[in-house]
Amino acid sequence: MNAARLGGMGGRDADVTREIDRDVCKLVHSFTRRLDVHVRRAAEDLGLTPTQVIALRELSEPVTARELAVRMSCEPSNVTFVVDRLEAQGLVERTPHPTDRRAKRLELTAAGQRSRDAVLTRLASGSPLTRLGVAQQRELRELLRLLVASEDP
């Protein structure tokens, strides 16, 4: 909530807004930590790193390293390191891009697809989101999209 919006509220409304903001921030932080632990446990169970789990989760179709970086919310140089390791494990291969000779596409191998399936199954199992019904999960997703898309920090 920005200062201009808070400044336009009465004293009691501003106090309530600050309290809600504090509570939401604490809850989101706690939930994010729970998700992080969940991903780390899944990675450990599957013999992968947490970053590899996230990369496999996001490789639903062939993409460039730059596209994967956007999906993973990280720098392309980090993706290169992760993909190098996945490629060494036989899970990903780099193939020529069909329309851009300068670019390579990242594609799952058959073993990579099996690993991705295992990742998706393991992440769905015991996910903190399973406490919510499907409609609540969709609503949460839309609210988070709205917050992430806003320009205010």
Protein backbone atom coordinates (compact mmCIF):
# COMPACT_ATOMS: atom_id res chain seq x y z
CA MET A 1 0.00 0.00 0.00
CA ASN A 2 1.57 3.31 -0.95
CA ALA A 3 1.78 6.35 1.28
CA ALA A 4 -0.59 8.43 -0.86
CA ARG A 5 -3.37 5.90 -0.41
CA LEU A 6 -2.71 5.60 3.31
CA GLY A 7 -2.57 9.38 3.64
CA GLY A 8 -6.08 9.70 2.22
CA MET A 9 -7.59 7.41 4.84
CA GLY A 10 -8.86 8.34 8.22
CA GLY A 11 -6.67 7.43 11.19
CA ARG A 12 -8.54 4.23 12.08
CA ASP A 13 -8.70 3.04 8.46
CA ALA A 14 -4.97 3.65 8.02
CA ASP A 15 -4.25 1.67 11.21
CA VAL A 16 -6.38 -1.24 10.02
CA THR A 17 -4.71 -1.16 6.60
CA ARG A 18 -1.26 -1.20 8.20
CA GLU A 19 -2.27 -4.12 10.40
CA ILE A 20 -3.65 -6.07 7.43
CA ASP A 21 -0.54 -5.27 5.39
CA ARG A 22 1.69 -6.52 8.21
CA ASP A 23 -0.35 -9.70 8.65
CA VAL A 24 -0.48 -10.44 4.91
CA CYS A 25 3.28 -9.92 4.58
CA LYS A 26 3.95 -12.28 7.50
CA LEU A 27 1.56 -14.90 6.16
CA VAL A 28 2.94 -14.74 2.62
CA HIS A 29 6.48 -15.03 4.01
CA SER A 30 5.51 -18.05 6.13
CA PHE A 31 3.72 -19.69 3.22
CA THR A 32 6.68 -19.05 0.91
CA ARG A 33 8.97 -20.74 3.44
CA ARG A 34 6.62 -23.75 3.55
CA LEU A 35 6.64 -23.98 -0.24
CA ASP A 36 10.44 -23.73 -0.25
CA VAL A 37 10.71 -26.60 2.25
CA HIS A 38 8.27 -28.62 0.14
CA VAL A 39 10.36 -28.10 -3.02
CA ARG A 40 13.59 -28.92 -1.14
CA ARG A 41 12.13 -32.17 0.19
CA ALA A 42 10.87 -33.11 -3.27
CA ALA A 43 14.31 -32.40 -4.72
CA GLU A 44 16.00 -34.52 -2.07
CA ASP A 45 13.57 -37.40 -2.67
CA LEU A 46 14.22 -37.24 -6.42
CA GLY A 47 17.99 -36.80 -6.27
CA LEU A 48 17.85 -33.32 -7.76
CA THR A 49 18.58 -29.80 -6.58
CA PRO A 50 15.65 -27.47 -5.84
CA THR A 51 16.59 -25.37 -8.87
CA GLN A 52 16.57 -28.46 -11.09
CA VAL A 53 13.10 -29.32 -9.77
CA ILE A 54 11.87 -25.85 -10.70
CA ALA A 55 13.50 -26.05 -14.15
CA LEU A 56 11.91 -29.43 -14.87
CA ARG A 57 8.55 -28.15 -13.64
CA GLU A 58 8.76 -25.23 -16.08
CA LEU A 59 9.91 -27.27 -19.10
CA SER A 60 6.42 -28.15 -20.27
CA GLU A 61 7.47 -27.53 -23.88
CA PRO A 62 10.67 -26.69 -25.76
CA VAL A 63 11.87 -23.19 -24.84
CA THR A 64 15.00 -21.08 -25.12
CA ALA A 65 17.21 -20.51 -22.10
CA ARG A 66 15.96 -16.93 -21.96
CA GLU A 67 12.33 -18.10 -21.88
CA LEU A 68 13.14 -20.62 -19.16
CA ALA A 69 14.87 -17.88 -17.14
CA VAL A 70 11.70 -15.77 -17.29
CA ARG A 71 9.58 -18.74 -16.20
CA MET A 72 11.98 -19.44 -13.32
CA SER A 73 12.33 -15.75 -12.37
CA CYS A 74 16.11 -15.86 -12.58
CA GLU A 75 19.00 -14.73 -14.75
CA PRO A 76 19.81 -16.56 -17.99
CA SER A 77 23.34 -17.28 -16.70
CA ASN A 78 21.82 -19.27 -13.81
CA VAL A 79 19.70 -21.25 -16.27
CA THR A 80 22.80 -22.13 -18.30
CA PHE A 81 24.42 -23.70 -15.22
CA VAL A 82 21.26 -25.65 -14.31
CA VAL A 83 20.67 -26.82 -17.88
CA ASP A 84 24.32 -27.92 -18.18
CA ARG A 85 23.78 -30.20 -15.19
CA LEU A 86 20.43 -31.49 -16.47
CA GLU A 87 22.01 -32.15 -19.85
CA ALA A 88 24.89 -34.06 -18.22
CA GLN A 89 22.28 -36.22 -16.47
CA GLY A 90 20.59 -36.95 -19.80
CA LEU A 91 17.38 -35.11 -18.85
CA VAL A 92 17.58 -32.15 -21.26
CA GLU A 93 19.04 -31.63 -24.70
CA ARG A 94 19.77 -28.48 -26.63
CA THR A 95 18.34 -28.53 -30.15
CA PRO A 96 18.47 -25.96 -32.95
CA HIS A 97 15.72 -23.36 -32.80
CA PRO A 98 13.43 -23.76 -35.85
CA THR A 99 13.36 -20.05 -36.75
CA ASP A 100 16.36 -18.43 -35.00
CA ARG A 101 19.71 -19.88 -36.04
CA ARG A 102 21.44 -18.15 -33.13
CA ALA A 103 19.25 -19.75 -30.47
CA LYS A 104 18.98 -23.25 -29.05
CA ARG A 105 15.84 -24.80 -27.67
CA LEU A 106 15.84 -26.76 -24.45
CA GLU A 107 13.90 -29.99 -24.75
CA LEU A 108 13.29 -32.80 -22.32
CA THR A 109 14.62 -36.20 -23.28
CA ALA A 110 12.48 -39.29 -22.60
CA ALA A 111 14.29 -39.63 -19.25
CA GLY A 112 13.71 -35.92 -18.65
CA GLN A 113 9.98 -36.30 -19.28
CA ARG A 114 9.86 -39.18 -16.78
CA SER A 115 11.74 -37.01 -14.26
CA ARG A 116 9.37 -34.10 -14.92
CA ASP A 117 6.37 -36.38 -14.37
CA ALA A 118 7.93 -37.52 -11.08
CA VAL A 119 8.58 -33.89 -10.10
CA LEU A 120 4.98 -32.86 -10.81
CA THR A 121 3.61 -35.87 -8.92
CA ARG A 122 5.90 -35.26 -5.94
CA LEU A 123 5.15 -31.52 -5.83
CA ALA A 124 1.40 -32.17 -5.90
CA SER A 125 1.74 -34.72 -3.10
CA GLY A 126 1.56 -33.00 0.24
CA SER A 127 1.55 -29.52 -1.25
CA PRO A 128 0.44 -26.85 1.22
CA LEU A 129 -2.14 -25.87 -1.42
CA THR A 130 -4.02 -29.15 -0.98
CA ARG A 131 -5.70 -27.66 2.09
CA LEU A 132 -7.67 -25.48 -0.32
CA GLY A 133 -10.35 -26.63 -2.70
CA VAL A 134 -9.83 -26.17 -6.43
CA ALA A 135 -11.99 -23.01 -6.50
CA GLN A 136 -9.97 -21.53 -3.61
CA GLN A 137 -6.70 -22.43 -5.35
CA ARG A 138 -7.88 -20.66 -8.51
CA GLU A 139 -8.95 -17.62 -6.49
CA LEU A 140 -5.60 -17.51 -4.70
CA ARG A 141 -3.79 -17.79 -8.04
CA GLU A 142 -5.77 -14.86 -9.46
CA LEU A 143 -5.19 -12.71 -6.37
CA LEU A 144 -1.46 -13.43 -6.49
CA ARG A 145 -1.35 -12.63 -10.22
CA LEU A 146 -3.06 -9.33 -9.50
CA LEU A 147 -0.55 -8.49 -6.77
CA VAL A 148 2.48 -9.55 -8.80
CA ALA A 149 1.30 -7.55 -11.82
CA SER A 150 0.82 -4.34 -9.82
CA GLU A 151 3.47 -1.67 -10.22
CA ASP A 152 3.61 -0.69 -6.57
CA PRO A 153 6.39 -2.44 -4.65
